[in-house]
Protein backbone atom coordinates (compact mmCIF):
# COMPACT_ATOMS: atom_id res chain seq x y z
CA MET A 1 -32.04 7.75 2.18
CA ASN A 2 -28.38 7.14 1.83
CA TYR A 3 -26.86 4.97 4.74
CA TRP A 4 -25.54 7.89 7.36
CA GLN A 5 -29.16 9.22 7.10
CA LYS A 6 -30.56 6.16 8.48
CA MET A 7 -28.03 6.09 11.30
CA LEU A 8 -30.58 6.31 14.59
CA GLY A 9 -28.13 8.03 16.55
CA VAL A 10 -24.46 8.95 17.42
CA PHE A 11 -22.36 8.53 20.94
CA VAL A 12 -19.71 11.18 21.85
CA VAL A 13 -17.24 9.59 24.15
CA THR A 14 -16.09 12.06 26.40
CA GLY A 15 -13.46 11.11 29.25
CA GLY A 16 -14.87 8.03 29.34
CA LEU A 17 -18.66 8.83 29.74
CA VAL A 18 -20.98 8.28 26.86
CA VAL A 19 -23.59 10.94 25.95
CA VAL A 20 -26.11 10.75 23.57
CA GLY A 21 -26.35 13.51 20.68
CA ALA A 22 -29.19 14.52 19.06
CA LEU A 23 -27.45 15.31 15.92
CA GLY A 24 -28.27 13.10 13.09
CA ALA A 25 -24.57 11.30 11.73
CA THR A 26 -24.51 13.66 9.07
CA GLN A 27 -24.91 16.73 10.79
CA VAL A 28 -22.35 15.49 13.35
CA ALA A 29 -19.83 14.21 10.70
CA ALA A 30 -20.06 17.81 9.45
CA ALA A 31 -19.32 19.61 13.02
CA ASP A 32 -16.23 17.15 13.78
CA GLN A 33 -15.21 18.64 9.97
CA ALA A 34 -15.43 21.78 10.66
CA ALA A 35 -13.89 21.72 14.23
CA VAL A 36 -10.67 20.34 12.93
CA SER A 37 -8.36 22.46 11.36
CA GLN A 38 -7.41 21.90 7.78
CA THR A 39 -3.67 21.01 7.25
CA THR A 40 -1.74 21.25 3.78
CA ASP A 41 0.32 19.06 1.67
CA ALA A 42 3.51 20.92 3.04
CA LYS A 43 2.43 20.67 6.79
CA VAL A 44 1.03 17.75 8.55
CA SER A 45 -0.34 18.19 12.29
CA GLN A 46 0.61 16.28 14.93
CA THR A 47 -1.91 17.68 17.60
CA THR A 48 -5.42 18.14 18.21
CA THR A 49 -6.71 20.57 20.91
CA PRO A 50 -7.44 18.65 23.87
CA GLU A 51 -11.39 18.65 23.71
CA LEU A 52 -11.03 17.19 20.19
CA ALA A 53 -8.59 14.78 21.70
CA ARG A 54 -11.07 13.55 24.50
CA GLN A 55 -13.95 12.73 21.31
CA ALA A 56 -14.86 9.97 19.18
CA THR A 57 -17.83 9.37 17.21
CA VAL A 58 -19.40 6.26 18.03
CA PHE A 59 -22.01 5.45 15.04
CA LEU A 60 -24.94 2.83 15.80
CA ASP A 61 -27.58 1.40 12.91
CA GLU A 62 -30.71 -0.06 13.61
CA THR A 63 -29.30 -4.22 13.92
CA SER A 64 -26.16 -2.57 16.34
CA ALA A 65 -28.21 -0.26 19.04
CA ALA A 66 -29.56 -2.59 21.07
CA LYS A 67 -26.40 -4.48 21.44
CA SER A 68 -24.36 -1.20 22.18
CA SER A 69 -26.88 -0.17 25.02
CA ALA A 70 -24.98 -2.36 26.73
CA VAL A 71 -21.40 -2.55 25.07
CA ALA A 72 -19.21 0.31 27.35
CA VAL A 73 -17.18 2.20 24.38
CA PRO A 74 -13.46 1.51 26.01
CA SER A 75 -11.39 5.06 25.96
CA PHE A 76 -8.47 5.54 24.19
CA VAL A 77 -5.70 8.39 23.35
CA ALA A 78 -5.14 7.79 19.65
CA GLU A 79 -4.87 11.26 17.80
CA ALA A 80 -6.64 9.64 14.78
CA VAL A 81 -8.59 6.46 15.22
CA VAL A 82 -11.34 4.46 12.89
CA LEU A 83 -12.77 0.81 13.87
CA MET A 84 -14.27 -0.70 10.69
CA ASP A 85 -16.42 -3.61 10.10
CA ALA A 86 -14.54 -4.87 7.28
CA ASP A 87 -17.34 -7.01 5.46
CA THR A 88 -19.33 -3.71 5.22
CA GLY A 89 -17.08 -1.03 5.26
CA ARG A 90 -18.93 0.27 8.10
CA VAL A 91 -17.20 2.61 10.38
CA LEU A 92 -18.06 1.93 14.32
CA VAL A 93 -15.84 4.15 15.68
CA SER A 94 -13.82 7.23 14.46
CA ARG A 95 -11.87 10.40 15.57
CA ASN A 96 -10.11 12.49 13.16
CA GLU A 97 -10.71 10.01 10.85
CA ASN A 98 -10.58 12.35 7.58
CA LYS A 99 -7.47 14.33 9.02
CA ARG A 100 -4.39 14.30 7.18
CA MET A 101 -1.29 12.04 9.05
CA HIS A 102 2.06 10.66 8.87
CA PRO A 103 1.49 7.09 8.26
CA ALA A 104 5.01 5.92 8.96
CA SER A 105 5.53 2.65 8.16
CA THR A 106 1.60 1.70 7.78
CA THR A 107 3.26 2.94 4.40
CA LYS A 108 4.38 -0.74 3.49
CA MET A 109 0.69 -1.83 3.75
CA VAL A 110 0.24 0.28 0.16
CA THR A 111 3.50 -0.92 -0.96
CA LEU A 112 2.55 -4.35 -0.59
CA LEU A 113 -0.88 -4.30 -2.29
CA THR A 114 0.91 -2.31 -4.78
CA ALA A 115 3.23 -4.62 -5.54
CA LEU A 116 0.80 -7.43 -5.74
CA LYS A 117 -1.54 -5.56 -7.87
CA LEU A 118 1.07 -4.96 -10.59
CA GLN A 119 3.57 -7.71 -10.29
CA GLY A 120 1.52 -10.90 -9.84
CA THR A 121 3.23 -14.02 -10.42
CA ARG A 122 6.10 -12.62 -11.48
CA LEU A 123 7.18 -12.33 -7.75
CA ASP A 124 8.68 -15.31 -7.78
CA GLU A 125 11.51 -13.93 -10.05
CA LEU A 126 14.85 -13.19 -8.26
CA ALA A 127 15.12 -9.32 -6.99
CA THR A 128 18.01 -7.21 -7.82
CA ILE A 129 18.71 -5.09 -4.91
CA SER A 130 20.55 -1.59 -5.62
CA PRO A 131 23.24 -0.13 -3.39
CA TYR A 132 20.70 2.58 -2.93
CA ALA A 133 18.12 0.43 -1.25
CA ALA A 134 20.72 -1.45 1.12
CA SER A 135 21.48 1.94 2.55
CA MET A 136 18.08 2.59 3.87
CA GLU A 137 18.31 3.84 7.67
CA GLU A 138 16.19 1.38 10.00
CA SER A 139 14.29 -0.68 10.53
CA ASN A 140 15.57 -3.17 7.90
CA LEU A 141 15.25 -6.36 6.60
CA GLY A 142 19.13 -6.74 5.89
CA VAL A 143 19.46 -7.52 2.49
CA LYS A 144 22.85 -6.67 0.67
CA PRO A 145 23.69 -6.04 -3.12
CA THR A 146 25.10 -9.40 -3.22
CA ASP A 147 21.81 -11.37 -1.69
CA GLN A 148 19.91 -13.54 -4.18
CA LEU A 149 16.19 -14.10 -3.11
CA PRO A 150 12.82 -13.71 -4.97
CA LEU A 151 11.07 -10.46 -4.82
CA GLN A 152 7.94 -12.17 -3.10
CA ALA A 153 10.36 -12.99 -0.07
CA VAL A 154 11.90 -9.39 -0.10
CA ALA A 155 7.77 -8.28 0.10
CA GLU A 156 6.79 -10.60 2.57
CA GLY A 157 10.32 -10.21 4.73
CA MET A 158 9.24 -6.22 4.43
CA MET A 159 6.15 -6.62 6.12
CA VAL A 160 7.22 -8.43 9.11
CA ALA A 161 10.55 -7.03 9.89
CA SER A 162 9.49 -3.53 8.58
CA GLY A 163 12.09 -3.24 6.32
CA ASN A 164 12.99 -0.05 4.49
CA ASP A 165 15.67 -1.61 2.60
CA ALA A 166 12.89 -4.42 1.21
CA ALA A 167 10.45 -1.32 0.27
CA VAL A 168 13.01 0.57 -2.03
CA VAL A 169 13.45 -2.97 -3.50
CA VAL A 170 10.43 -3.68 -3.82
CA ALA A 171 9.65 -0.44 -5.84
CA GLU A 172 12.75 -0.44 -7.78
CA ASN A 173 11.98 -3.97 -9.04
CA VAL A 174 8.01 -3.15 -9.56
CA SER A 175 8.29 -0.25 -11.19
CA GLY A 176 12.01 1.03 -11.89
CA SER A 177 12.47 3.75 -9.54
CA VAL A 178 10.46 4.91 -6.09
CA TYR A 179 9.05 8.13 -8.03
CA ARG A 180 7.20 5.72 -10.38
CA PHE A 181 6.69 3.35 -7.97
CA ALA A 182 4.90 6.00 -5.63
CA LEU A 183 2.65 7.19 -8.43
CA GLU A 184 0.97 3.68 -9.18
CA MET A 185 0.50 3.40 -5.21
CA ASN A 186 -1.49 6.47 -5.18
CA GLN A 187 -3.64 4.79 -8.33
CA VAL A 188 -3.62 1.67 -6.17
CA ALA A 189 -4.85 3.62 -3.04
CA LYS A 190 -7.85 5.44 -5.31
CA GLU A 191 -8.84 2.11 -6.27
CA ALA A 192 -8.94 1.10 -2.75
CA GLY A 193 -11.66 3.86 -2.09
CA ALA A 194 -8.62 5.93 -0.39
CA THR A 195 -9.20 9.74 -1.57
CA GLY A 196 -7.60 11.66 1.22
CA SER A 197 -3.89 10.31 0.60
CA HIS A 198 -0.73 11.00 -0.86
CA PHE A 199 2.45 8.49 -1.13
CA LEU A 200 5.83 9.68 -2.11
CA ASN A 201 7.66 6.97 -1.15
CA PRO A 202 7.08 3.02 -0.23
CA HIS A 203 8.72 2.87 2.96
CA GLY A 204 7.10 5.91 4.99
CA LEU A 205 9.86 7.56 6.40
CA THR A 206 8.59 11.20 6.96
CA GLU A 207 8.62 13.61 3.94
CA VAL A 208 6.66 16.74 3.15
CA GLY A 209 3.58 16.09 1.30
CA HIS A 210 3.46 12.10 2.00
CA TYR A 211 0.21 11.57 4.26
CA SER A 212 -2.79 9.58 4.73
CA THR A 213 -5.76 9.34 6.85
CA ALA A 214 -7.04 7.06 9.46
CA LEU A 215 -10.14 6.12 7.35
CA ASP A 216 -8.18 5.83 4.33
CA LEU A 217 -6.09 3.20 5.78
CA ALA A 218 -8.89 1.35 7.11
CA LYS A 219 -10.41 0.94 3.32
CA ILE A 220 -7.20 0.08 2.09
CA ALA A 221 -6.78 -2.84 4.77
CA ALA A 222 -10.53 -3.93 3.99
CA TYR A 223 -9.54 -3.94 0.07
CA GLY A 224 -5.97 -5.87 0.87
CA MET A 225 -7.85 -8.65 3.19
CA ASN A 226 -9.76 -10.05 0.37
CA ILE A 227 -6.53 -10.97 -1.55
CA PRO A 228 -4.97 -14.24 -0.29
CA MET A 229 -1.54 -13.49 -0.78
CA PHE A 230 -2.16 -10.04 1.00
CA ARG A 231 -3.57 -11.59 3.86
CA ASP A 232 -0.59 -14.24 4.34
CA PHE A 233 1.78 -11.66 3.99
CA VAL A 234 0.68 -9.28 6.88
CA GLY A 235 -0.18 -12.20 9.41
CA ASP A 236 3.27 -13.87 10.14
CA ASP A 237 4.25 -13.90 13.58
CA PHE A 238 7.91 -15.59 12.23
CA TYR A 239 9.52 -15.87 8.36
CA LYS A 240 12.18 -17.62 7.09
CA VAL A 241 13.92 -15.33 4.86
CA PRO A 242 15.21 -18.08 1.69
CA TYR A 243 18.48 -16.54 0.84
CA GLU A 244 19.71 -18.63 -2.17
CA ASN A 245 23.33 -17.19 -1.67
CA ARG A 246 23.50 -17.53 2.06
CA LYS A 247 22.24 -19.39 5.32
CA PRO A 248 18.26 -18.56 5.39
CA VAL A 249 17.23 -16.15 8.28
CA TRP A 250 14.43 -16.51 10.66
CA ILE A 251 13.06 -13.19 11.62
CA ARG A 252 10.07 -12.09 13.97
CA THR A 253 7.31 -9.23 13.56
CA THR A 254 7.55 -6.26 14.95
CA ASN A 255 4.00 -6.21 15.48
CA HIS A 256 3.26 -7.05 19.10
CA PHE A 257 -0.47 -7.14 18.44
CA ILE A 258 0.14 -10.16 16.21
CA ARG A 259 2.48 -11.93 18.74
CA SER A 260 0.14 -10.92 21.57
CA LYS A 261 -1.83 -13.99 20.16
CA TYR A 262 -5.10 -12.19 20.36
CA GLU A 263 -8.02 -14.51 19.71
CA GLY A 264 -8.44 -14.06 15.50
CA ALA A 265 -5.12 -11.71 15.03
CA ASN A 266 -4.62 -11.85 11.40
CA GLY A 267 -2.63 -9.06 10.81
CA LEU A 268 -1.31 -6.18 9.91
CA LYS A 269 1.32 -3.13 10.03
CA THR A 270 3.06 -0.88 12.91
CA GLY A 271 4.52 2.27 12.49
CA TYR A 272 6.66 4.83 13.90
CA THR A 273 8.47 7.70 13.07
CA GLU A 274 8.99 11.12 15.63
CA ALA A 275 6.72 12.93 13.50
CA ALA A 276 3.95 10.14 13.13
CA GLY A 277 4.25 8.77 16.40
CA GLU A 278 2.99 5.48 17.52
CA CYS A 279 0.78 3.80 14.73
CA LEU A 280 -1.00 0.67 14.03
CA ILE A 281 -2.98 -1.03 11.70
CA ALA A 282 -4.53 -4.28 13.48
CA THR A 283 -7.05 -6.68 12.17
CA ALA A 284 -8.76 -10.02 13.54
CA THR A 285 -11.49 -12.22 12.29
CA ARG A 286 -14.02 -14.10 14.83
CA ASP A 287 -17.11 -16.02 13.52
CA GLY A 288 -16.70 -14.99 9.98
CA HIS A 289 -16.63 -11.26 10.96
CA THR A 290 -13.58 -9.29 10.46
CA LEU A 291 -12.78 -6.01 12.24
CA ILE A 292 -10.23 -3.19 11.70
CA VAL A 293 -8.60 -0.67 13.47
CA VAL A 294 -6.53 1.99 12.83
CA LEU A 295 -4.70 4.41 15.20
CA LEU A 296 -2.14 7.12 14.49
CA ASN A 297 -0.37 8.69 16.96
CA ASP A 298 -1.25 6.16 19.69
CA ASP A 299 1.20 5.50 22.72
CA ASN A 300 -0.72 3.02 24.20
CA ARG A 301 -1.77 1.30 20.83
CA TRP A 302 -1.00 -1.91 21.91
CA VAL A 303 -3.80 -1.69 24.84
CA ASP A 304 -6.04 0.53 22.58
CA ALA A 305 -6.16 -1.93 19.67
CA PRO A 306 -7.40 -4.98 21.36
CA ALA A 307 -9.80 -3.06 23.65
CA LEU A 308 -11.62 -1.27 20.53
CA LEU A 309 -11.78 -4.62 18.77
CA ASP A 310 -13.20 -6.21 21.40
CA TYR A 311 -15.99 -3.58 21.69
CA GLY A 312 -16.34 -4.06 17.84
CA PHE A 313 -17.01 -7.52 18.08
CA ALA A 314 -19.29 -7.15 21.23
CA ARG A 315 -21.42 -4.84 18.84
CA LEU A 316 -21.80 -7.42 16.30
CA GLY A 317 -22.82 -10.08 18.65
CA VAL A 318 -19.27 -12.24 18.69
CA THR A 319 -18.03 -13.68 21.54
CA LYS A 320 -14.91 -15.32 22.36
């Protein structure tokens, strides 16, 4: 008997009310998948029907069912959501988890992971900054072709400032071109268990055929959080960019979840484009347990993320 068949039940959250479903988790997942229209590479949907927009699936297993009976599932507005226990890979809450979505700058999480996997210790070498990289539209780290700084600093600055310019610098220095780097990104994503994504660039600016899913992004985040340097880079509030040819510059994260000092917050990445809406991957660790929440197209992400994480920790029996 597989994991999903062992599930005790499924709750469907509708308008803040919790209704106990009689279907097994496998049946509900199949029904939900059938209800969500499939998109193509050329057209990634940004909207759901009003009914789907109010629903989420909450999975209960034998160890959490008793605790969950006393824990209210918070309401949230994201089009696609996954709340995952990073230690086990178990999904606690989901909505449209397999729906293809524009990932915006959450893409840079994959960029960092790819650079760490391919470049390794060579990240301390000075980066070459092309005019193309320096010309990228905002948001940017602010690097110039004449700048001298290690590739590691560019990668860390990319995560803190959400720098599109820095993302291209990383891609060009690691693989020689954005195209070749994107091929590597897709391979690394598959290694992390992401099977419903396709990346065409390292920064996440909207491009036809560039997409991911909430479930894939959660899997990639969980994979990355097991790598010490990745974990260090995605948790920075402030970072001093160590330029060697000009005065170092202090920058602050674009991630208000990290700025908020939520207890245990240790990552991860924001994202926004007009096509994607407001996106957030947030991670937190308490009492040795790490949770990941992915929110795609959520204009209430700074409220929804801590609320879902609080719910998840309560499910695990972890208190503040």
